[in-house]
Amino acid sequence: MTFAFLVVQALFLLYTILNKDSTETGIFKYDSLGILFFGTLVIISFAVLYHSKKYLDKEDVKQTGLYNIAFVSLCASITGAYFSNNVTATWVLIEATTLGSALLIYHRRTERALEAAWKYVFVCSIGILIAYLGILFLSIVLKNQHGNMSFGSLAEAVPAANPLYLKLAFVLVLTGYSCKMEYFPLYPIGIDANHVTPTPMSAFFSTAMVNLGFVSIFRIYKLLFDSPVLLWAQNVMFVAGFISLLVAAVYIAQVEHCKRLFAYSTVENMGIALLILSTGETGVFYAVFHVLMHSFVKSTAFMRLSVIGKTYGSYKLKNLGGYRHISPKGSLVLILCLSGLTAIPPSALFISEMYVFSAVSENIITLIVLIPVICIILYFLCTKLLRIVYSEKPETVLSVEKEDSLTLCIQFALLAIFFVFGMYQPQWFMDMILECAKP
C-alpha cells in the first residue's frame, strides 16, 4: 500500500507538471519551485522505500506498519508544504511533519530513541512556535489591506510595510525553521534524529525534510526582494550560513559515528546554501541547484550506510574497515559519494561551491576564513570515509553475503543523476530554476 501511495505521488507529479502555475482551492499552487522539489521527493521516496524493505528485516508487523504509516504521512505533509501558497498553511503542514518524524525516530523503542523523539518534538515545537511569531508580524503587514496570508498578497504589501516588522518576521522565521533545514541555531535536533532513526529514513530526513525547510525559508526571503530590508536579511543569512560552516568543521573533526558524520555534512551544505542565497537574486539559481543536487548524493550516502551497518553491525568508525574486500561495488558507491560531497569535479556541488568563492572573492577577510573552514571539512570527510574502505578489516563482520543487485542499481542511478547534472544542465531544468526567483 505504501508503494501504491508512491505511485499516486508519481502520477500527481505528472499532474502538477501538466497544470503548472495553476492554483487549487486557493491554497496550493503548482509553481516551478514546488515541482522541482516534489520531483526530487518522489524519486528519493521510491529508493527509500526499497531500502527500508531490505533494512527492516527483524521488525514485526506492527512496527513495520507504523513505520510505513509515518512515512506516508510525512510524504503527504511535505508535498502539501512544497506547493502551499499560504504562509499559514505552510506553517501547519511543517508542524504536521514533526509528528510523523517523531514516530520514525522512536522506531527502535530504545531509551535513546525515546529521548531523541521527545527532544525532536520539544525543540521542533519551539522552533515552529518561533516561526509562528514571525508569521504574526507578517500578518501585521496586511492589517490595513483586504488580502489573505497568501504569498502573492504579502508580496504586494511588503514594499510599503514597516521595515521593523519585516526584520522581526524574517529573523524569527529563519530561526524557527532552522530545526527543519538543519543549520544554526537549531541544527542539533537534526543530528540526534539522524543518529537513532533507521538509516534509510535518515536519507529521507537529510533530503526531503531539509528541502522542506529550504523551500519554506526561500518563499519568505523572496517576499523581501522589493523591500528596504533585503540587504539586512542577506546579512543575517550570511551570518547563519557562516556559523553553520564553523559548527560543521568543529564537529566533523571530532565525530566518530558515520550517521552523525553525514548529518554534520548536511549542516555544512545547508550553510553553503544560505551563503549563496545571501548574495542576492543572482544566487537563487545556484542555491536551488545546490540543495536539489545535495539531495541525490546525500540520500545515496545514507542508503549505502544502511548496507554498511547491516554488514558490520555498527556505525562507529572504529568498528569499520576493509570494505573494499567485502563489497568492491559498494566501496565504489561510497567513494563516489565522497567525491560528490567534497565537490570534486564532475560533482554537481562543484558548480555551486565555486560560485560561493567567486561571490565572496572581493571580501578578502571572509575568503581567508572561509577557505580553511572548507578545507577542514573536506579533509576529515576524506580521512574518515576512506578509512572504511582501505583500513584493516575488523575481526567481527556480521554479513558477507552477496549484495542485492537492485540496491546497487538504485544507488548508481541516483549518483548518475547527480554527476550528469554536474556536467550538463538541460534547458528546461535551468528555466524552471530561474523561474523560482520570479515574484
Protein backbone atom coordinates (compact mmCIF):
# COMPACT_ATOMS: atom_id res chain seq x y z
CA MET A 1 0.00 0.00 0.00
CA THR A 2 2.91 2.32 0.64
CA PHE A 3 4.21 1.53 -2.83
CA ALA A 4 0.74 2.27 -4.24
CA PHE A 5 0.79 5.63 -2.44
CA LEU A 6 4.13 6.48 -4.06
CA VAL A 7 2.73 5.53 -7.47
CA VAL A 8 -0.09 8.02 -6.83
CA GLN A 9 2.56 10.58 -5.87
CA ALA A 10 4.31 9.98 -9.19
CA LEU A 11 1.02 10.43 -11.07
CA PHE A 12 0.38 13.60 -9.08
CA LEU A 13 3.81 14.86 -10.14
CA LEU A 14 2.74 14.43 -13.76
CA TYR A 15 -0.49 16.29 -12.96
CA THR A 16 1.41 19.24 -11.45
CA ILE A 17 3.67 19.45 -14.49
CA LEU A 18 0.69 19.46 -16.86
CA ASN A 19 -1.06 22.10 -14.71
CA LYS A 20 2.00 24.19 -13.96
CA ASP A 21 1.30 27.60 -12.34
CA SER A 22 -2.34 26.73 -11.67
CA THR A 23 -3.91 27.08 -8.21
CA GLU A 24 -6.00 24.54 -6.30
CA THR A 25 -8.51 25.54 -3.57
CA GLY A 26 -6.79 28.91 -3.30
CA ILE A 27 -4.11 27.40 -1.06
CA PHE A 28 -1.87 25.27 -3.29
CA LYS A 29 -0.02 26.48 -6.37
CA TYR A 30 1.98 24.24 -8.70
CA ASP A 31 4.93 26.54 -9.32
CA SER A 32 8.41 25.65 -10.57
CA LEU A 33 9.95 25.61 -7.09
CA GLY A 34 7.40 23.13 -5.76
CA ILE A 35 7.55 20.90 -8.84
CA LEU A 36 11.35 20.65 -8.74
CA PHE A 37 11.47 19.66 -5.09
CA PHE A 38 8.42 17.42 -5.34
CA GLY A 39 10.01 15.56 -8.26
CA THR A 40 13.12 15.03 -6.13
CA LEU A 41 10.92 13.82 -3.26
CA VAL A 42 9.19 11.24 -5.48
CA ILE A 43 12.47 9.80 -6.79
CA ILE A 44 14.06 9.56 -3.35
CA SER A 45 10.88 8.14 -1.77
CA PHE A 46 10.88 5.10 -4.05
CA ALA A 47 14.56 4.48 -3.24
CA VAL A 48 13.97 4.90 0.50
CA LEU A 49 11.01 2.51 0.43
CA TYR A 50 13.03 -0.24 -1.24
CA HIS A 51 15.99 0.20 1.11
CA SER A 52 13.60 0.20 4.07
CA LYS A 53 12.23 -3.15 2.91
CA LYS A 54 15.77 -4.56 2.96
CA TYR A 55 16.72 -2.80 6.20
CA LEU A 56 13.65 -3.64 8.28
CA ASP A 57 14.06 -7.42 8.30
CA LYS A 58 13.63 -8.05 12.05
CA GLU A 59 10.54 -5.94 12.75
CA ASP A 60 7.13 -7.42 13.48
CA VAL A 61 4.00 -6.49 11.55
CA LYS A 62 3.04 -3.70 13.97
CA GLN A 63 6.44 -1.99 13.80
CA THR A 64 6.57 -2.23 10.02
CA GLY A 65 3.03 -0.90 9.74
CA LEU A 66 3.72 2.09 11.99
CA TYR A 67 6.92 2.80 10.05
CA ASN A 68 5.05 2.90 6.74
CA ILE A 69 2.16 4.93 8.14
CA ALA A 70 4.59 7.55 9.45
CA PHE A 71 6.45 7.54 6.14
CA VAL A 72 3.24 8.10 4.14
CA SER A 73 2.05 10.89 6.45
CA LEU A 74 5.46 12.53 6.22
CA CYS A 75 5.43 12.41 2.41
CA ALA A 76 1.92 13.85 2.29
CA SER A 77 2.73 16.72 4.68
CA ILE A 78 5.94 17.63 2.87
CA THR A 79 4.17 17.51 -0.51
CA GLY A 80 1.50 19.91 0.72
CA ALA A 81 4.11 22.28 2.15
CA TYR A 82 6.08 22.31 -1.12
CA PHE A 83 3.03 23.57 -3.02
CA SER A 84 1.47 25.71 -0.32
CA ASN A 85 0.74 29.25 -1.46
CA ASN A 86 -0.29 30.39 2.00
CA VAL A 87 2.20 31.15 4.75
CA THR A 88 -0.15 29.90 7.49
CA ALA A 89 -0.95 26.64 5.68
CA THR A 90 2.78 26.10 5.20
CA TRP A 91 3.31 26.51 8.93
CA VAL A 92 0.56 23.98 9.75
CA LEU A 93 1.98 21.40 7.33
CA ILE A 94 5.50 21.85 8.68
CA GLU A 95 4.19 21.25 12.19
CA ALA A 96 2.47 18.09 10.92
CA THR A 97 5.81 16.70 9.76
CA THR A 98 7.06 16.79 13.35
CA LEU A 99 4.56 14.12 14.45
CA GLY A 100 5.40 11.67 11.67
CA SER A 101 9.12 12.26 12.20
CA ALA A 102 8.87 11.57 15.93
CA LEU A 103 7.22 8.20 15.27
CA LEU A 104 10.06 7.24 12.92
CA ILE A 105 12.73 8.41 15.36
CA TYR A 106 11.21 6.21 18.08
CA HIS A 107 11.04 3.20 15.75
CA ARG A 108 13.59 1.12 17.68
CA ARG A 109 11.79 1.68 21.01
CA THR A 110 15.08 2.11 22.88
CA GLU A 111 15.74 4.60 25.67
CA ARG A 112 17.97 6.63 23.37
CA ALA A 113 15.31 6.62 20.65
CA LEU A 114 12.68 7.76 23.15
CA GLU A 115 14.92 10.57 24.36
CA ALA A 116 15.68 11.68 20.80
CA ALA A 117 11.98 11.57 19.86
CA TRP A 118 10.95 13.72 22.81
CA LYS A 119 13.79 16.15 22.13
CA TYR A 120 12.74 16.36 18.49
CA VAL A 121 9.11 17.09 19.36
CA PHE A 122 10.08 19.62 22.05
CA VAL A 123 12.72 21.54 20.10
CA CYS A 124 10.80 21.46 16.81
CA SER A 125 7.68 22.71 18.58
CA ILE A 126 9.68 25.60 19.99
CA GLY A 127 11.18 26.29 16.57
CA ILE A 128 7.78 26.20 14.87
CA LEU A 129 6.41 28.49 17.59
CA ILE A 130 9.22 30.98 16.95
CA ALA A 131 8.40 30.85 13.24
CA TYR A 132 4.73 31.44 14.07
CA LEU A 133 5.67 34.65 15.88
CA GLY A 134 7.35 35.73 12.65
CA ILE A 135 4.17 34.92 10.75
CA LEU A 136 2.22 37.13 13.18
CA PHE A 137 4.47 40.04 12.28
CA LEU A 138 3.84 39.30 8.61
CA SER A 139 0.10 39.40 9.30
CA ILE A 140 0.52 42.95 10.65
CA VAL A 141 1.77 43.91 7.19
CA LEU A 142 -1.70 43.06 5.83
CA LYS A 143 -3.57 44.75 8.67
CA ASN A 144 -4.96 47.61 6.59
CA GLN A 145 -5.36 45.66 3.37
CA HIS A 146 -8.03 43.33 2.08
CA GLY A 147 -5.68 40.43 1.48
CA ASN A 148 -5.13 36.95 2.83
CA MET A 149 -1.95 35.30 4.03
CA SER A 150 -1.03 34.07 0.55
CA PHE A 151 2.47 34.77 -0.66
CA GLY A 152 1.00 36.84 -3.50
CA SER A 153 -0.87 39.17 -1.14
CA LEU A 154 2.16 39.51 1.10
CA ALA A 155 4.41 40.33 -1.89
CA GLU A 156 2.12 43.23 -2.79
CA ALA A 157 2.06 44.57 0.75
CA VAL A 158 5.72 44.17 1.70
CA PRO A 159 7.22 47.15 -0.25
CA ALA A 160 5.16 49.60 1.84
CA ALA A 161 5.42 47.71 5.13
CA ASN A 162 7.16 48.84 8.29
CA PRO A 163 10.82 47.68 7.99
CA LEU A 164 10.93 46.77 11.69
CA TYR A 165 8.08 44.27 11.32
CA LEU A 166 9.74 42.74 8.26
CA LYS A 167 13.05 42.36 10.09
CA LEU A 168 11.43 40.72 13.09
CA ALA A 169 9.37 38.42 10.87
CA PHE A 170 12.35 37.27 8.83
CA VAL A 171 14.74 36.63 11.69
CA LEU A 172 12.07 34.70 13.63
CA VAL A 173 11.15 32.55 10.62
CA LEU A 174 14.82 31.97 9.80
CA THR A 175 15.50 30.88 13.38
CA GLY A 176 12.38 28.75 13.76
CA TYR A 177 12.66 26.79 10.52
CA SER A 178 16.33 26.01 11.15
CA CYS A 179 15.10 22.92 13.03
CA LYS A 180 13.94 21.53 9.68
CA MET A 181 16.66 22.81 7.35
CA GLU A 182 19.39 21.84 9.86
CA TYR A 183 21.55 24.93 10.13
CA PHE A 184 22.50 27.20 13.04
CA PRO A 185 21.00 27.60 15.63
CA LEU A 186 18.56 24.62 15.90
CA TYR A 187 20.65 22.12 13.91
CA PRO A 188 21.45 19.77 16.90
CA ILE A 189 17.98 18.24 16.87
CA GLY A 190 18.52 17.03 13.31
CA ILE A 191 21.84 15.46 14.26
CA ASP A 192 20.29 13.48 17.13
CA ALA A 193 17.32 12.44 14.98
CA ASN A 194 19.58 11.07 12.25
CA HIS A 195 21.63 9.18 14.83
CA VAL A 196 18.76 6.98 16.04
CA THR A 197 16.40 6.92 13.04
CA PRO A 198 16.56 3.82 10.78
CA THR A 199 19.24 4.65 8.24
CA PRO A 200 17.03 4.61 5.10
CA MET A 201 14.82 7.17 6.80
CA SER A 202 17.90 9.24 7.67
CA ALA A 203 18.33 9.53 3.90
CA PHE A 204 14.80 10.97 3.76
CA PHE A 205 15.30 13.32 6.72
CA SER A 206 18.53 14.75 5.30
CA THR A 207 16.99 15.41 1.89
CA ALA A 208 13.20 15.81 1.69
CA MET A 209 12.85 17.24 5.21
CA VAL A 210 15.82 19.56 4.79
CA ASN A 211 14.45 20.65 1.43
CA LEU A 212 11.15 21.48 3.13
CA GLY A 213 12.97 23.90 5.41
CA PHE A 214 14.77 25.46 2.45
CA VAL A 215 11.58 25.94 0.40
CA SER A 216 9.75 27.49 3.36
CA ILE A 217 12.54 29.93 4.13
CA PHE A 218 13.12 30.76 0.48
CA ARG A 219 9.47 31.73 -0.04
CA ILE A 220 9.67 34.19 2.87
CA TYR A 221 13.03 35.53 1.67
CA LYS A 222 11.63 36.09 -1.83
CA LEU A 223 8.98 38.41 -0.37
CA LEU A 224 11.76 40.79 0.62
CA PHE A 225 13.19 41.26 -2.88
CA ASP A 226 11.37 44.59 -3.28
CA SER A 227 11.60 45.65 0.35
CA PRO A 228 14.02 48.07 2.08
CA VAL A 229 15.31 45.29 4.37
CA LEU A 230 16.65 42.98 1.66
CA LEU A 231 20.32 43.76 2.36
CA TRP A 232 19.76 43.28 6.09
CA ALA A 233 18.12 39.90 5.51
CA GLN A 234 21.02 38.82 3.30
CA ASN A 235 23.50 39.75 6.03
CA VAL A 236 21.54 37.70 8.57
CA MET A 237 21.55 34.67 6.26
CA PHE A 238 25.27 35.10 5.65
CA VAL A 239 25.97 35.05 9.39
CA ALA A 240 23.75 31.97 9.94
CA GLY A 241 25.37 30.17 7.00
CA PHE A 242 28.90 31.02 8.07
CA ILE A 243 28.33 29.89 11.67
CA SER A 244 26.84 26.65 10.32
CA LEU A 245 30.05 26.00 8.39
CA LEU A 246 32.14 26.67 11.51
CA VAL A 247 29.99 24.28 13.55
CA ALA A 248 30.28 21.58 10.89
CA ALA A 249 34.07 21.97 10.75
CA VAL A 250 34.45 21.64 14.53
CA TYR A 251 32.21 18.59 14.95
CA ILE A 252 33.20 16.71 11.79
CA ALA A 253 36.75 16.73 13.14
CA GLN A 254 35.59 15.06 16.37
CA VAL A 255 32.72 12.75 15.42
CA GLU A 256 33.37 9.00 15.22
CA HIS A 257 29.91 7.86 14.16
CA CYS A 258 29.10 7.62 10.45
CA LYS A 259 25.50 8.76 10.67
CA ARG A 260 26.47 11.84 12.65
CA LEU A 261 29.30 12.45 10.19
CA PHE A 262 26.86 12.64 7.28
CA ALA A 263 24.44 14.69 9.39
CA TYR A 264 27.10 17.34 10.02
CA SER A 265 27.84 17.27 6.30
CA THR A 266 24.21 18.29 5.82
CA VAL A 267 24.73 21.22 8.21
CA GLU A 268 27.71 22.25 6.09
CA ASN A 269 25.77 22.10 2.82
CA MET A 270 22.79 24.00 4.20
CA GLY A 271 25.21 26.63 5.46
CA ILE A 272 26.58 26.91 1.93
CA ALA A 273 23.02 27.24 0.59
CA LEU A 274 22.41 30.17 2.95
CA LEU A 275 25.69 31.79 1.89
CA ILE A 276 24.61 31.52 -1.74
CA LEU A 277 21.17 33.00 -1.03
CA SER A 278 22.81 35.91 0.80
CA THR A 279 24.41 37.04 -2.47
CA GLY A 280 21.04 38.22 -3.83
CA GLU A 281 18.82 37.26 -6.75
CA THR A 282 21.84 36.08 -8.74
CA GLY A 283 22.47 33.37 -6.19
CA VAL A 284 18.94 31.94 -6.34
CA PHE A 285 19.81 29.65 -9.25
CA TYR A 286 22.90 28.26 -7.52
CA ALA A 287 21.17 27.87 -4.13
CA VAL A 288 18.24 25.89 -5.55
CA PHE A 289 20.61 23.86 -7.72
CA HIS A 290 22.86 23.13 -4.71
CA VAL A 291 20.03 21.91 -2.47
CA LEU A 292 18.49 19.75 -5.22
CA MET A 293 21.78 18.09 -6.12
CA HIS A 294 22.70 17.61 -2.48
CA SER A 295 19.53 15.54 -2.13
CA PHE A 296 20.72 12.90 -4.60
CA VAL A 297 24.23 12.44 -3.25
CA LYS A 298 23.30 12.59 0.45
CA SER A 299 20.41 10.14 0.08
CA THR A 300 22.75 7.73 -1.72
CA ALA A 301 25.36 8.10 1.03
CA PHE A 302 22.85 7.19 3.76
CA MET A 303 21.45 4.29 1.71
CA ARG A 304 24.95 2.88 1.30
CA LEU A 305 25.48 3.41 5.01
CA SER A 306 22.40 1.28 5.74
CA VAL A 307 24.08 -1.61 3.91
CA ILE A 308 27.37 -0.99 5.74
CA GLY A 309 25.57 -1.00 9.09
CA LYS A 310 23.97 -4.36 8.26
CA THR A 311 27.35 -5.75 7.26
CA TYR A 312 29.32 -4.70 10.34
CA GLY A 313 26.55 -4.36 12.92
CA SER A 314 27.85 -0.92 13.82
CA TYR A 315 28.16 2.63 12.53
CA LYS A 316 31.17 3.55 14.64
CA LEU A 317 34.27 4.22 12.57
CA LYS A 318 36.49 2.18 14.88
CA ASN A 319 34.43 -0.92 14.04
CA LEU A 320 34.53 -0.44 10.28
CA GLY A 321 37.24 -1.22 7.75
CA GLY A 322 38.33 -3.29 4.78
CA TYR A 323 35.07 -2.64 2.97
CA ARG A 324 36.77 -2.93 -0.43
CA HIS A 325 37.27 -6.64 0.25
CA ILE A 326 33.68 -7.20 1.35
CA SER A 327 31.90 -5.18 -1.34
CA PRO A 328 34.02 -3.67 -4.14
CA LYS A 329 30.96 -2.18 -5.87
CA GLY A 330 29.64 -0.84 -2.58
CA SER A 331 33.05 0.72 -1.93
CA LEU A 332 32.83 2.44 -5.33
CA VAL A 333 29.45 3.89 -4.36
CA LEU A 334 30.90 5.22 -1.10
CA ILE A 335 33.91 6.77 -2.88
CA LEU A 336 31.64 8.40 -5.47
CA CYS A 337 29.51 9.82 -2.66
CA LEU A 338 32.67 11.16 -1.04
CA SER A 339 33.81 12.81 -4.27
CA GLY A 340 30.33 14.31 -4.66
CA LEU A 341 30.16 15.69 -1.13
CA THR A 342 33.67 17.13 -1.37
CA ALA A 343 32.73 18.86 -4.66
CA ILE A 344 35.38 17.17 -6.77
CA PRO A 345 34.55 17.66 -10.48
CA PRO A 346 32.32 16.47 -12.07
CA SER A 347 30.40 16.76 -8.79
CA ALA A 348 27.32 18.96 -9.20
CA LEU A 349 28.20 20.66 -5.90
CA PHE A 350 31.41 21.96 -7.51
CA ILE A 351 29.34 24.45 -9.54
CA SER A 352 27.58 25.97 -6.54
CA GLU A 353 30.61 25.96 -4.24
CA MET A 354 32.73 27.71 -6.85
CA TYR A 355 30.01 30.35 -7.05
CA VAL A 356 30.37 30.91 -3.29
CA PHE A 357 34.09 31.59 -3.62
CA SER A 358 33.59 33.90 -6.60
CA ALA A 359 30.80 35.77 -4.80
CA VAL A 360 32.89 36.48 -1.68
CA SER A 361 36.19 36.98 -3.53
CA GLU A 362 36.01 40.74 -3.07
CA ASN A 363 35.88 40.36 0.71
CA ILE A 364 39.39 39.15 1.49
CA ILE A 365 38.78 38.62 5.22
CA THR A 366 35.76 36.39 4.58
CA LEU A 367 37.68 34.45 1.94
CA ILE A 368 40.66 33.94 4.26
CA VAL A 369 38.40 32.46 6.95
CA LEU A 370 36.11 30.50 4.59
CA ILE A 371 38.82 28.57 2.73
CA PRO A 372 40.40 26.93 5.84
CA VAL A 373 36.95 26.02 7.18
CA ILE A 374 36.01 24.28 3.93
CA CYS A 375 39.39 22.56 3.79
CA ILE A 376 38.99 21.21 7.35
CA ILE A 377 35.59 19.75 6.47
CA LEU A 378 36.89 18.15 3.27
CA TYR A 379 39.97 16.74 5.00
CA PHE A 380 38.08 14.97 7.77
CA LEU A 381 35.35 13.72 5.44
CA CYS A 382 38.02 12.13 3.25
CA THR A 383 40.11 10.63 6.03
CA LYS A 384 37.14 9.15 7.89
CA LEU A 385 35.23 7.76 4.92
CA LEU A 386 38.33 6.38 3.18
CA ARG A 387 39.19 4.59 6.41
CA ILE A 388 36.06 2.47 5.95
CA VAL A 389 37.25 1.35 2.53
CA TYR A 390 41.00 0.96 2.96
CA SER A 391 41.77 0.25 6.62
CA GLU A 392 42.14 -3.26 8.01
CA LYS A 393 39.00 -5.38 8.16
CA PRO A 394 37.79 -5.92 11.75
CA GLU A 395 37.56 -9.43 13.16
CA THR A 396 33.77 -9.36 13.55
CA VAL A 397 31.78 -8.89 10.36
CA LEU A 398 28.13 -9.88 10.61
CA SER A 399 27.33 -10.43 6.94
CA VAL A 400 29.37 -11.02 3.80
CA GLU A 401 26.50 -12.25 1.66
CA LYS A 402 26.24 -11.19 -1.96
CA GLU A 403 24.61 -7.81 -2.13
CA ASP A 404 21.23 -7.31 -3.76
CA SER A 405 21.84 -6.09 -7.32
CA LEU A 406 18.78 -3.79 -7.30
CA THR A 407 20.15 -1.97 -4.25
CA LEU A 408 23.34 -1.19 -6.17
CA CYS A 409 21.38 -0.21 -9.29
CA ILE A 410 19.29 2.30 -7.33
CA GLN A 411 22.35 3.86 -5.73
CA PHE A 412 24.25 4.10 -9.01
CA ALA A 413 21.15 5.59 -10.68
CA LEU A 414 20.91 8.36 -8.07
CA LEU A 415 24.63 9.08 -8.44
CA ALA A 416 24.23 9.13 -12.23
CA ILE A 417 21.61 11.87 -11.92
CA PHE A 418 23.92 13.79 -9.60
CA PHE A 419 27.03 13.63 -11.80
CA VAL A 420 25.22 14.07 -15.13
CA PHE A 421 23.60 17.29 -13.90
CA GLY A 422 27.03 18.38 -12.71
CA MET A 423 28.28 18.20 -16.31
CA TYR A 424 25.14 19.15 -18.22
CA GLN A 425 22.03 21.05 -17.16
CA PRO A 426 19.09 20.70 -19.59
CA GLN A 427 17.49 23.94 -20.69
CA TRP A 428 14.10 23.03 -19.17
CA PHE A 429 15.79 22.42 -15.84
CA MET A 430 17.61 25.77 -15.91
CA ASP A 431 14.44 27.60 -16.94
CA MET A 432 12.50 26.11 -14.05
CA ILE A 433 15.15 27.13 -11.52
CA LEU A 434 15.33 30.65 -12.97
CA GLU A 435 11.56 30.90 -12.64
CA CYS A 436 11.96 30.30 -8.90
CA ALA A 437 13.39 33.80 -8.47
CA LYS A 438 10.43 35.48 -10.15
CA PRO A 439 7.73 37.02 -7.93
